[in-house]
Amino acid sequence: MRAAIAVSGLSEGTVLHTYVPNVWKSDAEATLSSFGIVGRLMPTRHELIFEYLDTLQKSFVPDVPDEQEKRLTLDGDVVLRFGFMEGTAEVNGRTVVYDPQNSYAKFHANGSTADRLAMILSEEELLGFGGLGDASRTNDNLAAAAQNVFESKPAPQIILIKDRLGGLQVFFGGSPTPIKSYASESYFRIGVGDVLAAAFAHAWGELGMEPVEAADFAARSIAYFVEDARLPLLPPPQLSDLRHSRKDGDHLRLLGVGRFEAKSLVMQTEILISDFGGSTAFTYIDWEGEIRAEGPIDLLIIGSSEGPTISGEIRKRVGEPKVVFWPERDRRTVQWCFPASRIAGDFPSALYHAMRSPSS
């Protein structure tokens, strides 16, 4: 539904074929109708609900139902196919974009066909599809995995690899083409993959853009969406003024000040930075209430035990941090305490801005 809504203002006559639990069907129909989307909804008995710790991390993923629903079947000129948990979709299209959603099911395995096929994968998925599931995520291993996918028969013409901060790599013969991420003021990440797939399918399949140009539009669409989960998407000309973001994800300096929640979050941040392809120079946690770290600091996390007066000591000892996340204080107060820093209102945005900066 998110992908269909994303392109509803760009692609007239969008049709969504999907499974929907009986108890959600009327709500789903009402939502689709409000965006002018035709719904072809197959009722199911399963209510599959994902839970999130924050917009970066799932805290609960439901099990795949033992009994699969009847398959969905459809023909179309331009088709975006996702992997499902409740069943499968057999599609036949001129241009098809396939996002398996961690299912590792090969596109043609269920009888699907496509004259032109693009696959959208994470780095982990590419290694799995390419037979290198246990390999590290190095550029050489990713390129080897992509080559293995292209040599399989039948094979996609294009593979898009997404990173976790809005960038892409496009494989379609020869060396991959990197697509830089675009800067955003905040970072709501739930649904980024859906938006990416929808934007690329529209640009490549309907507008006839070349793969790199279509991928660049998808990256711009990601930046538009993650800033407050904005949908539907805008057409390409209205996203032309976005600025690229610069990677600052190596050797980040983290400082946590305050109670347990700040210390715990700093340690979790260190793990996420590694997951997102970055690294930390040092992680300093203020255990004793006396700041002994040295600046500059890329990300400062302050716990609930601290009052505004702590800002003076922090600035004296480490200077102005690049990004400050202080969830217990309102934005105006935090900005007053750290006038030269970027203030993040939520944890995912704090991590995003620590690892990315707008290009000048």
Protein backbone atom coordinates (compact mmCIF):
# COMPACT_ATOMS: atom_id res chain seq x y z
CA MET A 1 0.00 0.00 0.00
CA ARG A 2 2.82 2.42 0.82
CA ALA A 3 4.40 1.88 -2.59
CA ALA A 4 1.05 2.33 -4.36
CA ILE A 5 0.38 5.57 -2.46
CA ALA A 6 3.90 6.76 -3.27
CA VAL A 7 3.22 6.77 -7.02
CA SER A 8 -0.51 7.55 -6.87
CA GLY A 9 0.09 11.18 -7.81
CA LEU A 10 2.52 10.27 -10.60
CA SER A 11 0.94 7.22 -12.22
CA GLU A 12 -2.75 7.46 -13.09
CA GLY A 13 -4.62 4.19 -12.78
CA THR A 14 -2.36 2.56 -10.18
CA VAL A 15 -3.70 -0.85 -9.14
CA LEU A 16 -2.67 -2.66 -5.95
CA HIS A 17 -2.90 -6.45 -5.82
CA THR A 18 -2.24 -7.70 -2.32
CA TYR A 19 -3.27 -9.84 0.61
CA VAL A 20 -5.24 -8.12 3.36
CA PRO A 21 -6.51 -9.59 6.64
CA ASN A 22 -10.29 -9.67 6.76
CA VAL A 23 -10.41 -7.33 9.74
CA TRP A 24 -8.39 -4.66 7.88
CA LYS A 25 -10.06 -4.94 4.47
CA SER A 26 -12.57 -2.10 4.78
CA ASP A 27 -9.94 0.28 6.16
CA ALA A 28 -7.54 -0.65 3.37
CA GLU A 29 -10.21 -0.06 0.73
CA ALA A 30 -11.04 3.34 2.17
CA THR A 31 -7.37 4.38 2.23
CA LEU A 32 -6.76 3.24 -1.33
CA SER A 33 -9.89 4.97 -2.58
CA SER A 34 -8.82 8.27 -1.02
CA PHE A 35 -5.67 8.21 -3.18
CA GLY A 36 -7.47 7.11 -6.36
CA ILE A 37 -5.92 3.62 -6.26
CA VAL A 38 -7.82 0.54 -7.42
CA GLY A 39 -7.51 -2.27 -4.90
CA ARG A 40 -7.54 -5.94 -5.84
CA LEU A 41 -7.49 -7.30 -2.32
CA MET A 42 -7.46 -10.97 -1.41
CA PRO A 43 -8.78 -11.49 2.16
CA THR A 44 -6.64 -13.62 4.47
CA ARG A 45 -6.93 -15.06 7.95
CA HIS A 46 -3.50 -13.84 9.01
CA GLU A 47 -2.74 -10.58 10.79
CA LEU A 48 0.98 -10.14 10.29
CA ILE A 49 2.18 -7.24 12.43
CA PHE A 50 5.74 -5.89 12.61
CA GLU A 51 6.86 -4.01 15.70
CA TYR A 52 9.68 -1.47 15.80
CA LEU A 53 12.02 -0.35 18.57
CA ASP A 54 12.54 2.78 16.48
CA THR A 55 12.39 3.53 12.77
CA LEU A 56 15.79 1.89 12.27
CA GLN A 57 15.23 -1.41 14.04
CA LYS A 58 12.50 -4.04 14.12
CA SER A 59 11.84 -5.46 17.56
CA PHE A 60 9.46 -8.20 16.37
CA VAL A 61 9.00 -9.96 13.03
CA PRO A 62 6.10 -12.44 12.70
CA ASP A 63 6.63 -15.99 11.53
CA VAL A 64 5.74 -16.99 7.99
CA PRO A 65 2.36 -18.76 8.10
CA ASP A 66 2.59 -22.53 7.68
CA GLU A 67 -0.40 -22.55 5.34
CA GLN A 68 0.10 -20.30 2.32
CA GLU A 69 -2.74 -18.40 0.69
CA LYS A 70 -3.78 -18.83 -2.92
CA ARG A 71 -1.31 -17.11 -5.22
CA LEU A 72 -2.01 -13.73 -6.76
CA THR A 73 -1.83 -13.61 -10.57
CA LEU A 74 -1.68 -10.55 -12.79
CA ASP A 75 -0.49 -9.24 -16.15
CA GLY A 76 0.68 -5.69 -16.68
CA ASP A 77 2.79 -3.35 -18.75
CA VAL A 78 4.76 -2.04 -15.74
CA VAL A 79 4.65 -4.16 -12.59
CA LEU A 80 6.27 -3.81 -9.18
CA ARG A 81 6.35 -7.15 -7.39
CA PHE A 82 7.17 -7.57 -3.71
CA GLY A 83 7.87 -10.77 -1.85
CA PHE A 84 5.03 -11.83 0.45
CA MET A 85 4.88 -13.81 3.68
CA GLU A 86 1.32 -15.13 3.21
CA GLY A 87 1.72 -16.36 -0.37
CA THR A 88 3.26 -15.38 -3.69
CA ALA A 89 2.47 -13.24 -6.72
CA GLU A 90 2.84 -14.68 -10.22
CA VAL A 91 3.28 -11.71 -12.54
CA ASN A 92 3.72 -11.37 -16.30
CA GLY A 93 4.88 -7.98 -17.47
CA ARG A 94 6.79 -6.04 -20.10
CA THR A 95 8.79 -4.20 -17.42
CA VAL A 96 8.97 -5.64 -13.91
CA VAL A 97 10.76 -4.47 -10.78
CA TYR A 98 11.16 -7.17 -8.14
CA ASP A 99 11.91 -6.56 -4.45
CA PRO A 100 11.95 -9.99 -2.76
CA GLN A 101 11.73 -8.54 0.78
CA ASN A 102 14.20 -11.02 2.28
CA SER A 103 12.35 -14.03 0.91
CA TYR A 104 15.25 -15.18 -1.33
CA ALA A 105 12.67 -16.54 -3.77
CA LYS A 106 13.91 -16.29 -7.35
CA PHE A 107 11.67 -14.19 -9.55
CA HIS A 108 10.93 -16.88 -12.16
CA ALA A 109 10.51 -19.74 -9.64
CA ASN A 110 6.72 -19.29 -9.36
CA GLY A 111 6.13 -18.91 -13.12
CA SER A 112 6.57 -15.13 -13.31
CA THR A 113 7.88 -13.66 -16.57
CA ALA A 114 9.26 -10.29 -17.62
CA ASP A 115 10.62 -8.83 -20.84
CA ARG A 116 12.75 -6.47 -18.75
CA LEU A 117 13.53 -7.22 -15.10
CA ALA A 118 15.19 -5.18 -12.36
CA MET A 119 15.87 -6.51 -8.87
CA ILE A 120 16.17 -4.27 -5.82
CA LEU A 121 18.25 -5.86 -3.04
CA SER A 122 20.11 -5.08 0.13
CA GLU A 123 23.79 -5.98 0.25
CA GLU A 124 22.96 -9.06 2.34
CA GLU A 125 20.31 -10.15 -0.17
CA LEU A 126 22.69 -9.72 -3.11
CA LEU A 127 25.28 -11.94 -1.43
CA GLY A 128 22.57 -14.53 -0.75
CA PHE A 129 21.18 -14.54 -4.28
CA GLY A 130 24.72 -14.62 -5.67
CA GLY A 131 25.70 -17.68 -3.64
CA LEU A 132 28.03 -15.78 -1.28
CA GLY A 133 25.78 -15.61 1.74
CA ASP A 134 28.60 -16.11 4.26
CA ALA A 135 30.94 -13.56 2.66
CA SER A 136 31.66 -10.11 4.06
CA ARG A 137 30.09 -7.06 2.40
CA THR A 138 33.17 -5.89 0.51
CA ASN A 139 32.93 -4.27 -2.92
CA ASP A 140 34.69 -7.25 -4.51
CA ASN A 141 32.27 -9.74 -2.97
CA LEU A 142 29.24 -7.66 -3.96
CA ALA A 143 30.52 -7.40 -7.54
CA ALA A 144 31.16 -11.16 -7.66
CA ALA A 145 27.68 -11.88 -6.31
CA ALA A 146 26.10 -9.56 -8.88
CA GLN A 147 28.01 -11.30 -11.66
CA ASN A 148 26.73 -14.68 -10.45
CA VAL A 149 23.16 -13.36 -10.54
CA PHE A 150 23.62 -12.01 -14.07
CA GLU A 151 25.04 -15.36 -15.23
CA SER A 152 22.01 -17.25 -13.92
CA LYS A 153 19.30 -18.00 -16.48
CA PRO A 154 16.93 -16.27 -16.81
CA ALA A 155 18.63 -13.23 -15.32
CA PRO A 156 17.63 -9.64 -14.53
CA GLN A 157 18.95 -6.81 -16.68
CA ILE A 158 19.48 -4.48 -13.72
CA ILE A 159 20.32 -4.93 -10.04
CA LEU A 160 19.93 -2.04 -7.61
CA ILE A 161 21.71 -2.33 -4.28
CA LYS A 162 20.48 -0.06 -1.48
CA ASP A 163 22.45 1.07 1.51
CA ARG A 164 20.78 2.04 4.79
CA LEU A 165 21.24 5.78 4.45
CA GLY A 166 19.73 6.53 1.04
CA GLY A 167 22.51 5.68 -1.41
CA LEU A 168 22.40 3.10 -4.22
CA GLN A 169 24.58 1.13 -6.57
CA VAL A 170 23.36 0.25 -10.06
CA PHE A 171 24.63 -2.94 -11.73
CA PHE A 172 23.74 -3.41 -15.38
CA GLY A 173 26.90 -4.56 -17.06
CA GLY A 174 30.44 -3.63 -16.15
CA SER A 175 31.38 -1.89 -12.92
CA PRO A 176 28.56 -0.69 -10.67
CA THR A 177 27.53 2.95 -10.84
CA PRO A 178 27.21 4.61 -7.42
CA ILE A 179 24.24 6.89 -6.77
CA LYS A 180 24.87 9.37 -3.99
CA SER A 181 22.29 9.88 -1.27
CA TYR A 182 20.50 13.20 -0.90
CA ALA A 183 20.29 15.26 2.26
CA SER A 184 17.21 15.40 4.46
CA GLU A 185 16.36 17.34 7.60
CA SER A 186 15.03 14.26 9.44
CA TYR A 187 15.11 10.52 8.90
CA PHE A 188 11.96 8.38 9.08
CA ARG A 189 13.18 5.08 7.65
CA ILE A 190 10.19 2.69 7.85
CA GLY A 191 9.10 2.06 4.28
CA VAL A 192 12.19 3.43 2.51
CA GLY A 193 12.50 0.24 0.46
CA ASP A 194 8.89 0.47 -0.67
CA VAL A 195 9.33 4.08 -1.78
CA LEU A 196 12.61 3.31 -3.55
CA ALA A 197 11.07 0.44 -5.50
CA ALA A 198 7.98 2.44 -6.47
CA ALA A 199 9.99 5.47 -7.59
CA PHE A 200 12.39 3.39 -9.69
CA ALA A 201 9.57 1.37 -11.27
CA HIS A 202 7.77 4.58 -12.25
CA ALA A 203 10.89 6.27 -13.64
CA TRP A 204 12.33 3.26 -15.47
CA GLY A 205 9.10 1.58 -16.53
CA GLU A 206 6.70 4.45 -17.19
CA LEU A 207 8.88 7.49 -17.88
CA GLY A 208 11.45 5.51 -19.86
CA MET A 209 14.48 6.85 -17.97
CA GLU A 210 17.82 5.11 -18.28
CA PRO A 211 18.71 2.95 -15.24
CA VAL A 212 21.15 5.42 -13.65
CA GLU A 213 18.79 8.35 -14.15
CA ALA A 214 15.89 6.34 -12.72
CA ALA A 215 18.00 5.31 -9.74
CA ASP A 216 18.94 8.93 -9.10
CA PHE A 217 15.25 9.86 -9.06
CA ALA A 218 14.67 7.02 -6.59
CA ALA A 219 17.43 8.39 -4.33
CA ARG A 220 15.86 11.86 -4.49
CA SER A 221 12.49 10.32 -3.66
CA ILE A 222 13.99 8.61 -0.61
CA ALA A 223 15.27 11.96 0.69
CA TYR A 224 11.86 13.51 0.15
CA PHE A 225 10.06 10.66 1.91
CA VAL A 226 12.27 10.23 4.98
CA GLU A 227 11.70 13.85 5.95
CA ASP A 228 8.48 13.29 7.92
CA ALA A 229 7.27 10.25 5.89
CA ARG A 230 5.92 12.44 3.09
CA LEU A 231 3.68 10.81 0.46
CA PRO A 232 2.70 10.78 -2.37
CA LEU A 233 5.98 11.44 -4.16
CA LEU A 234 6.71 14.45 -6.33
CA PRO A 235 7.57 14.30 -10.06
CA PRO A 236 11.27 14.56 -11.05
CA PRO A 237 11.32 18.33 -11.83
CA GLN A 238 10.11 19.17 -8.32
CA LEU A 239 13.01 17.27 -6.71
CA SER A 240 15.74 18.88 -8.79
CA ASP A 241 16.99 21.27 -6.09
CA LEU A 242 17.91 18.61 -3.50
CA ARG A 243 21.54 18.52 -2.35
CA HIS A 244 23.69 15.43 -2.13
CA SER A 245 24.76 14.27 1.30
CA ARG A 246 28.40 13.59 2.14
CA LYS A 247 29.42 10.46 4.03
CA ASP A 248 30.84 11.20 7.48
CA GLY A 249 30.47 7.69 8.78
CA ASP A 250 34.13 6.83 9.44
CA HIS A 251 35.90 7.29 12.78
CA LEU A 252 32.93 8.92 14.51
CA ARG A 253 33.38 10.21 18.06
CA LEU A 254 30.49 9.47 20.41
CA LEU A 255 29.86 10.89 23.87
CA GLY A 256 27.08 9.94 26.27
CA VAL A 257 26.33 11.99 29.38
CA GLY A 258 23.75 11.14 32.03
CA ARG A 259 21.74 8.21 33.25
CA PHE A 260 21.59 4.66 32.01
CA GLU A 261 19.45 5.40 28.95
CA ALA A 262 22.13 7.67 27.47
CA LYS A 263 24.89 5.14 28.13
CA SER A 264 22.83 2.30 26.69
CA LEU A 265 21.95 4.34 23.62
CA VAL A 266 25.58 5.22 22.96
CA MET A 267 26.49 1.53 22.95
CA GLN A 268 23.56 0.75 20.64
CA THR A 269 24.65 3.60 18.37
CA GLU A 270 28.11 2.11 18.05
CA ILE A 271 26.56 -1.16 16.84
CA LEU A 272 24.29 0.61 14.34
CA ILE A 273 27.14 2.69 12.93
CA SER A 274 28.96 -0.53 12.13
CA ASP A 275 25.80 -2.05 10.60
CA PHE A 276 25.40 1.05 8.42
CA GLY A 277 28.93 0.78 7.06
CA GLY A 278 30.68 3.28 9.35
CA SER A 279 33.13 3.06 12.22
CA THR A 280 33.86 4.78 15.52
CA ALA A 281 37.10 6.48 16.57
CA PHE A 282 36.10 6.27 20.21
CA THR A 283 33.04 5.87 22.37
CA TYR A 284 33.19 7.73 25.66
CA ILE A 285 30.52 7.26 28.30
CA ASP A 286 30.44 9.64 31.24
CA TRP A 287 30.18 7.12 34.07
CA GLU A 288 31.28 9.37 36.94
CA GLY A 289 29.66 12.67 36.08
CA GLU A 290 32.96 14.28 35.08
CA ILE A 291 33.54 14.71 31.37
CA ARG A 292 37.05 13.59 30.39
CA ALA A 293 36.55 13.15 26.65
CA GLU A 294 38.31 15.31 24.10
CA GLY A 295 36.65 16.94 21.11
CA PRO A 296 35.52 17.19 18.48
CA ILE A 297 32.38 15.12 19.14
CA ASP A 298 30.24 13.89 16.24
CA LEU A 299 27.25 12.74 18.30
CA LEU A 300 26.40 13.80 21.85
CA ILE A 301 23.63 11.93 23.69
CA ILE A 302 22.42 13.41 26.98
CA GLY A 303 20.27 11.52 29.47
CA SER A 304 17.33 12.64 31.57
CA SER A 305 19.37 13.24 34.72
CA GLU A 306 21.10 16.32 33.33
CA GLY A 307 19.91 19.92 33.34
CA PRO A 308 20.75 22.76 30.94
CA THR A 309 23.76 23.81 33.03
CA ILE A 310 25.65 20.71 31.85
CA SER A 311 25.91 22.26 28.39
CA GLY A 312 28.49 24.79 29.52
CA GLU A 313 30.86 22.12 30.81
CA ILE A 314 30.39 20.01 27.69
CA ARG A 315 31.13 22.91 25.35
CA LYS A 316 34.13 23.95 27.43
CA ARG A 317 35.68 20.49 27.31
CA VAL A 318 34.77 19.19 23.84
CA GLY A 319 33.59 22.25 21.92
CA GLU A 320 30.41 22.35 19.88
CA PRO A 321 29.26 18.80 19.01
CA LYS A 322 28.21 18.17 15.44
CA VAL A 323 24.88 16.58 16.47
CA VAL A 324 23.06 16.66 19.82
CA PHE A 325 20.30 14.26 20.87
CA TRP A 326 18.69 15.22 24.18
CA PRO A 327 15.22 13.61 24.20
CA GLU A 328 14.17 14.95 27.61
CA ARG A 329 14.50 18.61 26.57
CA ASP A 330 12.50 20.61 24.08
CA ARG A 331 14.21 21.61 20.86
CA ARG A 332 14.33 25.32 21.68
CA THR A 333 16.15 24.68 24.97
CA VAL A 334 18.65 22.30 23.36
CA GLN A 335 19.35 24.75 20.55
CA TRP A 336 19.93 27.50 23.11
CA CYS A 337 22.39 25.25 24.96
CA PHE A 338 24.20 24.21 21.77
CA PRO A 339 23.68 27.05 19.26
CA ALA A 340 26.25 25.80 16.74
CA SER A 341 25.12 22.15 16.73
CA ARG A 342 22.50 20.30 14.72
CA ILE A 343 19.68 19.32 17.07
CA ALA A 344 18.01 15.96 16.42
CA GLY A 345 14.47 15.38 17.68
CA ASP A 346 14.65 11.60 17.38
CA PHE A 347 17.32 8.92 17.56
CA PRO A 348 17.29 7.80 13.87
CA SER A 349 17.71 11.42 12.74
CA ALA A 350 20.58 11.86 15.21
CA LEU A 351 22.39 8.84 13.81
CA TYR A 352 21.66 9.92 10.22
CA HIS A 353 23.10 13.40 10.71
CA ALA A 354 26.16 12.04 12.52
CA MET A 355 26.89 9.86 9.48
CA ARG A 356 25.78 12.23 6.70
CA SER A 357 26.28 15.94 6.03
CA PRO A 358 24.80 18.03 3.20
CA SER A 359 27.31 18.75 0.44
CA SER A 360 28.11 22.41 -0.06
